[in-house]
Structures are given as C-alpha cells and as structure tokens.
Amino acid sequence: MSTEPEPVPPVFQPSLYYKVTAIDENPNCVNYGATFTVDEFYSNNGVNCRVWCGKCRSYMRTLTGELLDPQPEVV
C-alpha cells in the first residue's frame, strides 16, 4: 500500500491557455496508462477543465497544467 498522497489536480484560471498532460485511466481502452500532452488547452471558465480520450470517450485525469506565456493570439 502506497503512503504517497494522490497528486492534486492543477487549478485553472478562466479564459487562459495552458499546456497540460493527462493520463488515460480507463482499463477498457487501448490508451490505458498512456500519458498525453495538449499543447494549447483552453480553460473556458476555469471549472471542469477536462481532457477526454478520442478512442473511448472517457475523461482522463489531468496531471499538470502550465500557463502559456505568452498566451496564443486569438483572431
């Protein structure tokens, strides 16, 4: 039994772009255990910021979130 605490998910500020990593934890998916990077992840309102798997359509656990600096220019 591990004594390490569960990692705390990142907190996202509203209306900003982040670089995030997420892990697929669905054991029924071919991507199970794989970690993915999303280079430009938009935080929307800062709540319920989720990455989902394109194969199994399940939400993945977000591991990291790094605020992009500079922010991408939206046209």
PDB file of N, CA and C in Angstrom:
ATOM      1  N   MET A   1       0.839  -1.178   0.000  1.00  0.00           N
ATOM      2  CA  MET A   1       0.000   0.000   0.000  1.00  0.00           C
ATOM      3  C   MET A   1       0.886   1.243   0.000  1.00  0.00           C
ATOM      4  N   SER A   2       0.604   2.155  -0.912  1.00  0.00           N
ATOM      5  CA  SER A   2       1.414   3.361  -1.054  1.00  0.00           C
ATOM      6  C   SER A   2       1.039   4.386   0.009  1.00  0.00           C
ATOM      7  N   THR A   3       2.058   5.069   0.527  1.00  0.00           N
ATOM      8  CA  THR A   3       1.820   6.120   1.516  1.00  0.00           C
ATOM      9  C   THR A   3       1.841   7.501   0.869  1.00  0.00           C
ATOM     10  N   GLU A   4       2.103   7.544  -0.438  1.00  0.00           N
ATOM     11  CA  GLU A   4       2.137   8.828  -1.131  1.00  0.00           C
ATOM     12  C   GLU A   4       0.720   9.333  -1.362  1.00  0.00           C
ATOM     13  N   PRO A   5       0.480  10.638  -1.123  1.00  0.00           N
ATOM     14  CA  PRO A   5      -0.863  11.177  -1.369  1.00  0.00           C
ATOM     15  C   PRO A   5      -1.145  11.275  -2.865  1.00  0.00           C
ATOM     16  N   GLU A   6      -2.425  11.278  -3.207  1.00  0.00           N
ATOM     17  CA  GLU A   6      -2.823  11.467  -4.598  1.00  0.00           C
ATOM     18  C   GLU A   6      -2.376  12.855  -5.049  1.00  0.00           C
ATOM     19  N   PRO A   7      -1.872  12.979  -6.283  1.00  0.00           N
ATOM     20  CA  PRO A   7      -1.472  14.305  -6.760  1.00  0.00           C
ATOM     21  C   PRO A   7      -2.682  15.228  -6.860  1.00  0.00           C
ATOM     22  N   VAL A   8      -2.465  16.478  -6.541  1.00  0.00           N
ATOM     23  CA  VAL A   8      -3.528  17.475  -6.600  1.00  0.00           C
ATOM     24  C   VAL A   8      -3.652  17.951  -8.045  1.00  0.00           C
ATOM     25  N   PRO A   9      -4.870  17.915  -8.603  1.00  0.00           N
ATOM     26  CA  PRO A   9      -5.018  18.392  -9.987  1.00  0.00           C
ATOM     27  C   PRO A   9      -4.731  19.879 -10.075  1.00  0.00           C
ATOM     28  N   PRO A  10      -4.258  20.348 -11.221  1.00  0.00           N
ATOM     29  CA  PRO A  10      -3.954  21.772 -11.357  1.00  0.00           C
ATOM     30  C   PRO A  10      -5.217  22.621 -11.265  1.00  0.00           C
ATOM     31  N   VAL A  11      -5.045  23.850 -10.819  1.00  0.00           N
ATOM     32  CA  VAL A  11      -6.136  24.821 -10.755  1.00  0.00           C
ATOM     33  C   VAL A  11      -5.985  25.741 -11.964  1.00  0.00           C
ATOM     34  N   PHE A  12      -7.065  25.874 -12.724  1.00  0.00           N
ATOM     35  CA  PHE A  12      -7.029  26.678 -13.938  1.00  0.00           C
ATOM     36  C   PHE A  12      -7.741  28.007 -13.726  1.00  0.00           C
ATOM     37  N   GLN A  13      -7.116  29.078 -14.218  1.00  0.00           N
ATOM     38  CA  GLN A  13      -7.746  30.390 -14.222  1.00  0.00           C
ATOM     39  C   GLN A  13      -8.648  30.474 -15.454  1.00  0.00           C
ATOM     40  N   PRO A  14      -9.750  31.207 -15.376  1.00  0.00           N
ATOM     41  CA  PRO A  14     -10.651  31.313 -16.526  1.00  0.00           C
ATOM     42  C   PRO A  14     -10.025  32.004 -17.729  1.00  0.00           C
ATOM     43  N   SER A  15     -10.445  31.559 -18.896  1.00  0.00           N
ATOM     44  CA  SER A  15     -10.149  32.211 -20.187  1.00  0.00           C
ATOM     45  C   SER A  15      -8.679  32.302 -20.534  1.00  0.00           C
ATOM     46  N   LEU A  16      -7.907  31.286 -20.156  1.00  0.00           N
ATOM     47  CA  LEU A  16      -6.479  31.276 -20.479  1.00  0.00           C
ATOM     48  C   LEU A  16      -6.099  29.943 -21.115  1.00  0.00           C
ATOM     49  N   TYR A  17      -4.958  29.951 -21.797  1.00  0.00           N
ATOM     50  CA  TYR A  17      -4.433  28.740 -22.424  1.00  0.00           C
ATOM     51  C   TYR A  17      -3.322  28.139 -21.576  1.00  0.00           C
ATOM     52  N   TYR A  18      -3.307  26.803 -21.520  1.00  0.00           N
ATOM     53  CA  TYR A  18      -2.329  26.041 -20.755  1.00  0.00           C
ATOM     54  C   TYR A  18      -1.752  24.927 -21.616  1.00  0.00           C
ATOM     55  N   LYS A  19      -0.600  24.444 -21.225  1.00  0.00           N
ATOM     56  CA  LYS A  19      -0.063  23.192 -21.742  1.00  0.00           C
ATOM     57  C   LYS A  19      -0.337  22.169 -20.644  1.00  0.00           C
ATOM     58  N   VAL A  20      -1.093  21.109 -20.955  1.00  0.00           N
ATOM     59  CA  VAL A  20      -1.464  20.141 -19.937  1.00  0.00           C
ATOM     60  C   VAL A  20      -1.013  18.736 -20.335  1.00  0.00           C
ATOM     61  N   THR A  21      -0.835  17.900 -19.319  1.00  0.00           N
ATOM     62  CA  THR A  21      -0.636  16.469 -19.530  1.00  0.00           C
ATOM     63  C   THR A  21      -1.760  15.748 -18.805  1.00  0.00           C
ATOM     64  N   ALA A  22      -2.208  14.649 -19.412  1.00  0.00           N
ATOM     65  CA  ALA A  22      -3.293  13.871 -18.825  1.00  0.00           C
ATOM     66  C   ALA A  22      -3.020  12.394 -19.068  1.00  0.00           C
ATOM     67  N   ILE A  23      -3.532  11.555 -18.169  1.00  0.00           N
ATOM     68  CA  ILE A  23      -3.341  10.116 -18.274  1.00  0.00           C
ATOM     69  C   ILE A  23      -4.698   9.431 -18.429  1.00  0.00           C
ATOM     70  N   ASP A  24      -4.745   8.453 -19.330  1.00  0.00           N
ATOM     71  CA  ASP A  24      -5.959   7.666 -19.551  1.00  0.00           C
ATOM     72  C   ASP A  24      -5.998   6.557 -18.507  1.00  0.00           C
ATOM     73  N   GLU A  25      -7.035   6.555 -17.675  1.00  0.00           N
ATOM     74  CA  GLU A  25      -7.153   5.559 -16.610  1.00  0.00           C
ATOM     75  C   GLU A  25      -8.307   4.586 -16.832  1.00  0.00           C
ATOM     76  N   ASN A  26      -8.798   4.519 -18.060  1.00  0.00           N
ATOM     77  CA  ASN A  26      -9.873   3.576 -18.381  1.00  0.00           C
ATOM     78  C   ASN A  26      -9.244   2.239 -18.767  1.00  0.00           C
ATOM     79  N   PRO A  27      -9.365   1.206 -17.918  1.00  0.00           N
ATOM     80  CA  PRO A  27      -8.713  -0.071 -18.213  1.00  0.00           C
ATOM     81  C   PRO A  27      -9.266  -0.783 -19.442  1.00  0.00           C
ATOM     82  N   ASN A  28     -10.419  -0.341 -19.942  1.00  0.00           N
ATOM     83  CA  ASN A  28     -11.007  -0.965 -21.130  1.00  0.00           C
ATOM     84  C   ASN A  28     -10.591  -0.280 -22.427  1.00  0.00           C
ATOM     85  N   CYS A  29      -9.720   0.711 -22.340  1.00  0.00           N
ATOM     86  CA  CYS A  29      -9.301   1.478 -23.509  1.00  0.00           C
ATOM     87  C   CYS A  29      -7.909   1.050 -23.964  1.00  0.00           C
ATOM     88  N   VAL A  30      -7.677   1.125 -25.275  1.00  0.00           N
ATOM     89  CA  VAL A  30      -6.347   0.805 -25.806  1.00  0.00           C
ATOM     90  C   VAL A  30      -5.305   1.817 -25.354  1.00  0.00           C
ATOM     91  N   ASN A  31      -5.740   3.008 -24.921  1.00  0.00           N
ATOM     92  CA  ASN A  31      -4.825   4.041 -24.436  1.00  0.00           C
ATOM     93  C   ASN A  31      -4.578   3.966 -22.934  1.00  0.00           C
ATOM     94  N   TYR A  32      -5.079   2.920 -22.284  1.00  0.00           N
ATOM     95  CA  TYR A  32      -4.946   2.789 -20.826  1.00  0.00           C
ATOM     96  C   TYR A  32      -3.492   2.949 -20.386  1.00  0.00           C
ATOM     97  N   GLY A  33      -3.277   3.854 -19.445  1.00  0.00           N
ATOM     98  CA  GLY A  33      -1.936   4.089 -18.901  1.00  0.00           C
ATOM     99  C   GLY A  33      -1.089   5.045 -19.707  1.00  0.00           C
ATOM    100  N   ALA A  34      -1.565   5.447 -20.881  1.00  0.00           N
ATOM    101  CA  ALA A  34      -0.800   6.368 -21.726  1.00  0.00           C
ATOM    102  C   ALA A  34      -0.990   7.804 -21.243  1.00  0.00           C
ATOM    103  N   THR A  35       0.087   8.577 -21.340  1.00  0.00           N
ATOM    104  CA  THR A  35       0.051   9.987 -20.971  1.00  0.00           C
ATOM    105  C   THR A  35       0.076  10.817 -22.245  1.00  0.00           C
ATOM    106  N   PHE A  36      -0.771  11.830 -22.286  1.00  0.00           N
ATOM    107  CA  PHE A  36      -0.897  12.684 -23.462  1.00  0.00           C
ATOM    108  C   PHE A  36      -0.618  14.125 -23.084  1.00  0.00           C
ATOM    109  N   THR A  37      -0.083  14.887 -24.042  1.00  0.00           N
ATOM    110  CA  THR A  37       0.174  16.309 -23.862  1.00  0.00           C
ATOM    111  C   THR A  37      -0.734  17.089 -24.797  1.00  0.00           C
ATOM    112  N   VAL A  38      -1.388  18.101 -24.254  1.00  0.00           N
ATOM    113  CA  VAL A  38      -2.194  19.024 -25.049  1.00  0.00           C
ATOM    114  C   VAL A  38      -1.464  20.360 -24.992  1.00  0.00           C
ATOM    115  N   ASP A  39      -0.924  20.791 -26.141  1.00  0.00           N
ATOM    116  CA  ASP A  39      -0.076  21.987 -26.162  1.00  0.00           C
ATOM    117  C   ASP A  39      -0.836  23.288 -25.954  1.00  0.00           C
ATOM    118  N   GLU A  40      -2.078  23.379 -26.432  1.00  0.00           N
ATOM    119  CA  GLU A  40      -2.885  24.580 -26.245  1.00  0.00           C
ATOM    120  C   GLU A  40      -4.258  24.167 -25.726  1.00  0.00           C
ATOM    121  N   PHE A  41      -4.385  24.132 -24.424  1.00  0.00           N
ATOM    122  CA  PHE A  41      -5.615  23.728 -23.743  1.00  0.00           C
ATOM    123  C   PHE A  41      -6.284  24.973 -23.194  1.00  0.00           C
ATOM    124  N   TYR A  42      -7.509  25.260 -23.644  1.00  0.00           N
ATOM    125  CA  TYR A  42      -8.230  26.459 -23.211  1.00  0.00           C
ATOM    126  C   TYR A  42      -9.027  26.134 -21.957  1.00  0.00           C
ATOM    127  N   SER A  43      -8.945  27.004 -20.960  1.00  0.00           N
ATOM    128  CA  SER A  43      -9.543  26.727 -19.656  1.00  0.00           C
ATOM    129  C   SER A  43     -11.024  27.092 -19.553  1.00  0.00           C
ATOM    130  N   ASN A  44     -11.616  27.692 -20.580  1.00  0.00           N
ATOM    131  CA  ASN A  44     -13.019  28.130 -20.526  1.00  0.00           C
ATOM    132  C   ASN A  44     -13.268  28.960 -19.278  1.00  0.00           C
ATOM    133  N   ASN A  45     -14.170  28.516 -18.403  1.00  0.00           N
ATOM    134  CA  ASN A  45     -14.479  29.288 -17.201  1.00  0.00           C
ATOM    135  C   ASN A  45     -13.605  28.916 -16.008  1.00  0.00           C
ATOM    136  N   GLY A  46     -12.638  28.035 -16.206  1.00  0.00           N
ATOM    137  CA  GLY A  46     -11.733  27.628 -15.133  1.00  0.00           C
ATOM    138  C   GLY A  46     -12.257  26.480 -14.297  1.00  0.00           C
ATOM    139  N   VAL A  47     -13.465  26.007 -14.594  1.00  0.00           N
ATOM    140  CA  VAL A  47     -14.086  24.915 -13.847  1.00  0.00           C
ATOM    141  C   VAL A  47     -14.368  23.766 -14.818  1.00  0.00           C
ATOM    142  N   ASN A  48     -14.234  22.542 -14.338  1.00  0.00           N
ATOM    143  CA  ASN A  48     -14.482  21.354 -15.162  1.00  0.00           C
ATOM    144  C   ASN A  48     -13.610  21.325 -16.418  1.00  0.00           C
ATOM    145  N   CYS A  49     -12.359  21.694 -16.278  1.00  0.00           N
ATOM    146  CA  CYS A  49     -11.407  21.645 -17.381  1.00  0.00           C
ATOM    147  C   CYS A  49     -10.947  20.196 -17.529  1.00  0.00           C
ATOM    148  N   ARG A  50     -11.378  19.546 -18.590  1.00  0.00           N
ATOM    149  CA  ARG A  50     -11.106  18.118 -18.741  1.00  0.00           C
ATOM    150  C   ARG A  50     -10.566  17.790 -20.120  1.00  0.00           C
ATOM    151  N   VAL A  51      -9.725  16.782 -20.155  1.00  0.00           N
ATOM    152  CA  VAL A  51      -9.223  16.207 -21.400  1.00  0.00           C
ATOM    153  C   VAL A  51      -9.914  14.864 -21.545  1.00  0.00           C
ATOM    154  N   TRP A  52     -10.413  14.567 -22.744  1.00  0.00           N
ATOM    155  CA  TRP A  52     -11.056  13.277 -22.936  1.00  0.00           C
ATOM    156  C   TRP A  52     -10.349  12.486 -24.020  1.00  0.00           C
ATOM    157  N   CYS A  53     -10.487  11.195 -23.927  1.00  0.00           N
ATOM    158  CA  CYS A  53      -9.839  10.277 -24.859  1.00  0.00           C
ATOM    159  C   CYS A  53     -10.654  10.188 -26.142  1.00  0.00           C
ATOM    160  N   GLY A  54      -9.984  10.315 -27.257  1.00  0.00           N
ATOM    161  CA  GLY A  54     -10.644  10.208 -28.553  1.00  0.00           C
ATOM    162  C   GLY A  54     -11.023   8.783 -28.922  1.00  0.00           C
ATOM    163  N   LYS A  55     -10.468   7.815 -28.238  1.00  0.00           N
ATOM    164  CA  LYS A  55     -10.786   6.401 -28.517  1.00  0.00           C
ATOM    165  C   LYS A  55     -12.007   5.936 -27.730  1.00  0.00           C
ATOM    166  N   CYS A  56     -11.976   6.087 -26.407  1.00  0.00           N
ATOM    167  CA  CYS A  56     -13.038   5.538 -25.562  1.00  0.00           C
ATOM    168  C   CYS A  56     -14.034   6.596 -25.094  1.00  0.00           C
ATOM    169  N   ARG A  57     -13.751   7.874 -25.377  1.00  0.00           N
ATOM    170  CA  ARG A  57     -14.624   8.984 -24.995  1.00  0.00           C
ATOM    171  C   ARG A  57     -14.772   9.151 -23.483  1.00  0.00           C
ATOM    172  N   SER A  58     -13.787   8.688 -22.727  1.00  0.00           N
ATOM    173  CA  SER A  58     -13.782   8.873 -21.278  1.00  0.00           C
ATOM    174  C   SER A  58     -12.883  10.057 -20.931  1.00  0.00           C
ATOM    175  N   TYR A  59     -13.200  10.712 -19.814  1.00  0.00           N
ATOM    176  CA  TYR A  59     -12.329  11.782 -19.344  1.00  0.00           C
ATOM    177  C   TYR A  59     -11.063  11.195 -18.758  1.00  0.00           C
ATOM    178  N   MET A  60      -9.954  11.888 -18.973  1.00  0.00           N
ATOM    179  CA  MET A  60      -8.671  11.476 -18.423  1.00  0.00           C
ATOM    180  C   MET A  60      -8.372  12.309 -17.183  1.00  0.00           C
ATOM    181  N   ARG A  61      -7.451  11.828 -16.367  1.00  0.00           N
ATOM    182  CA  ARG A  61      -7.023  12.579 -15.186  1.00  0.00           C
ATOM    183  C   ARG A  61      -5.939  13.562 -15.615  1.00  0.00           C
ATOM    184  N   THR A  62      -6.155  14.834 -15.322  1.00  0.00           N
ATOM    185  CA  THR A  62      -5.182  15.873 -15.653  1.00  0.00           C
ATOM    186  C   THR A  62      -4.067  15.845 -14.622  1.00  0.00           C
ATOM    187  N   LEU A  63      -2.838  15.732 -15.116  1.00  0.00           N
ATOM    188  CA  LEU A  63      -1.679  15.636 -14.235  1.00  0.00           C
ATOM    189  C   LEU A  63      -1.019  16.987 -13.996  1.00  0.00           C
ATOM    190  N   THR A  64      -0.808  17.745 -15.075  1.00  0.00           N
ATOM    191  CA  THR A  64      -0.123  19.029 -14.957  1.00  0.00           C
ATOM    192  C   THR A  64      -0.825  20.081 -15.799  1.00  0.00           C
ATOM    193  N   GLY A  65      -0.645  21.319 -15.431  1.00  0.00           N
ATOM    194  CA  GLY A  65      -1.160  22.441 -16.200  1.00  0.00           C
ATOM    195  C   GLY A  65      -0.198  23.601 -16.088  1.00  0.00           C
ATOM    196  N   GLU A  66       0.416  23.962 -17.202  1.00  0.00           N
ATOM    197  CA  GLU A  66       1.405  25.049 -17.220  1.00  0.00           C
ATOM    198  C   GLU A  66       0.850  26.203 -18.052  1.00  0.00           C
ATOM    199  N   LEU A  67       0.691  27.353 -17.423  1.00  0.00           N
ATOM    200  CA  LEU A  67       0.163  28.531 -18.105  1.00  0.00           C
ATOM    201  C   LEU A  67       1.099  28.925 -19.246  1.00  0.00           C
ATOM    202  N   LEU A  68       0.544  29.113 -20.439  1.00  0.00           N
ATOM    203  CA  LEU A  68       1.359  29.520 -21.584  1.00  0.00           C
ATOM    204  C   LEU A  68       1.690  31.010 -21.486  1.00  0.00           C
ATOM    205  N   ASP A  69       2.960  31.329 -21.678  1.00  0.00           N
ATOM    206  CA  ASP A  69       3.421  32.709 -21.642  1.00  0.00           C
ATOM    207  C   ASP A  69       4.420  32.902 -22.772  1.00  0.00           C
ATOM    208  N   PRO A  70       4.044  33.600 -23.798  1.00  0.00           N
ATOM    209  CA  PRO A  70       2.835  34.408 -23.961  1.00  0.00           C
ATOM    210  C   PRO A  70       1.625  33.545 -24.309  1.00  0.00           C
ATOM    211  N   GLN A  71       0.448  34.107 -24.106  1.00  0.00           N
ATOM    212  CA  GLN A  71      -0.798  33.449 -24.473  1.00  0.00           C
ATOM    213  C   GLN A  71      -0.936  33.482 -25.999  1.00  0.00           C
ATOM    214  N   PRO A  72      -1.524  32.430 -26.590  1.00  0.00           N
ATOM    215  CA  PRO A  72      -1.745  32.456 -28.044  1.00  0.00           C
ATOM    216  C   PRO A  72      -2.648  33.613 -28.444  1.00  0.00           C
ATOM    217  N   GLU A  73      -2.391  34.157 -29.606  1.00  0.00           N
ATOM    218  CA  GLU A  73      -3.201  35.259 -30.100  1.00  0.00           C
ATOM    219  C   GLU A  73      -4.439  34.683 -30.797  1.00  0.00           C
ATOM    220  N   VAL A  74      -5.595  35.121 -30.357  1.00  0.00           N
ATOM    221  CA  VAL A  74      -6.859  34.634 -30.921  1.00  0.00           C
ATOM    222  C   VAL A  74      -7.363  35.677 -31.911  1.00  0.00           C
ATOM    223  N   VAL A  75      -7.640  35.232 -33.123  1.00  0.00           N
ATOM    224  CA  VAL A  75      -8.128  36.150 -34.157  1.00  0.00           C
ATOM    225  C   VAL A  75      -9.534  35.844 -34.564  1.00  0.00           C
TER     226      VAL A  75
END
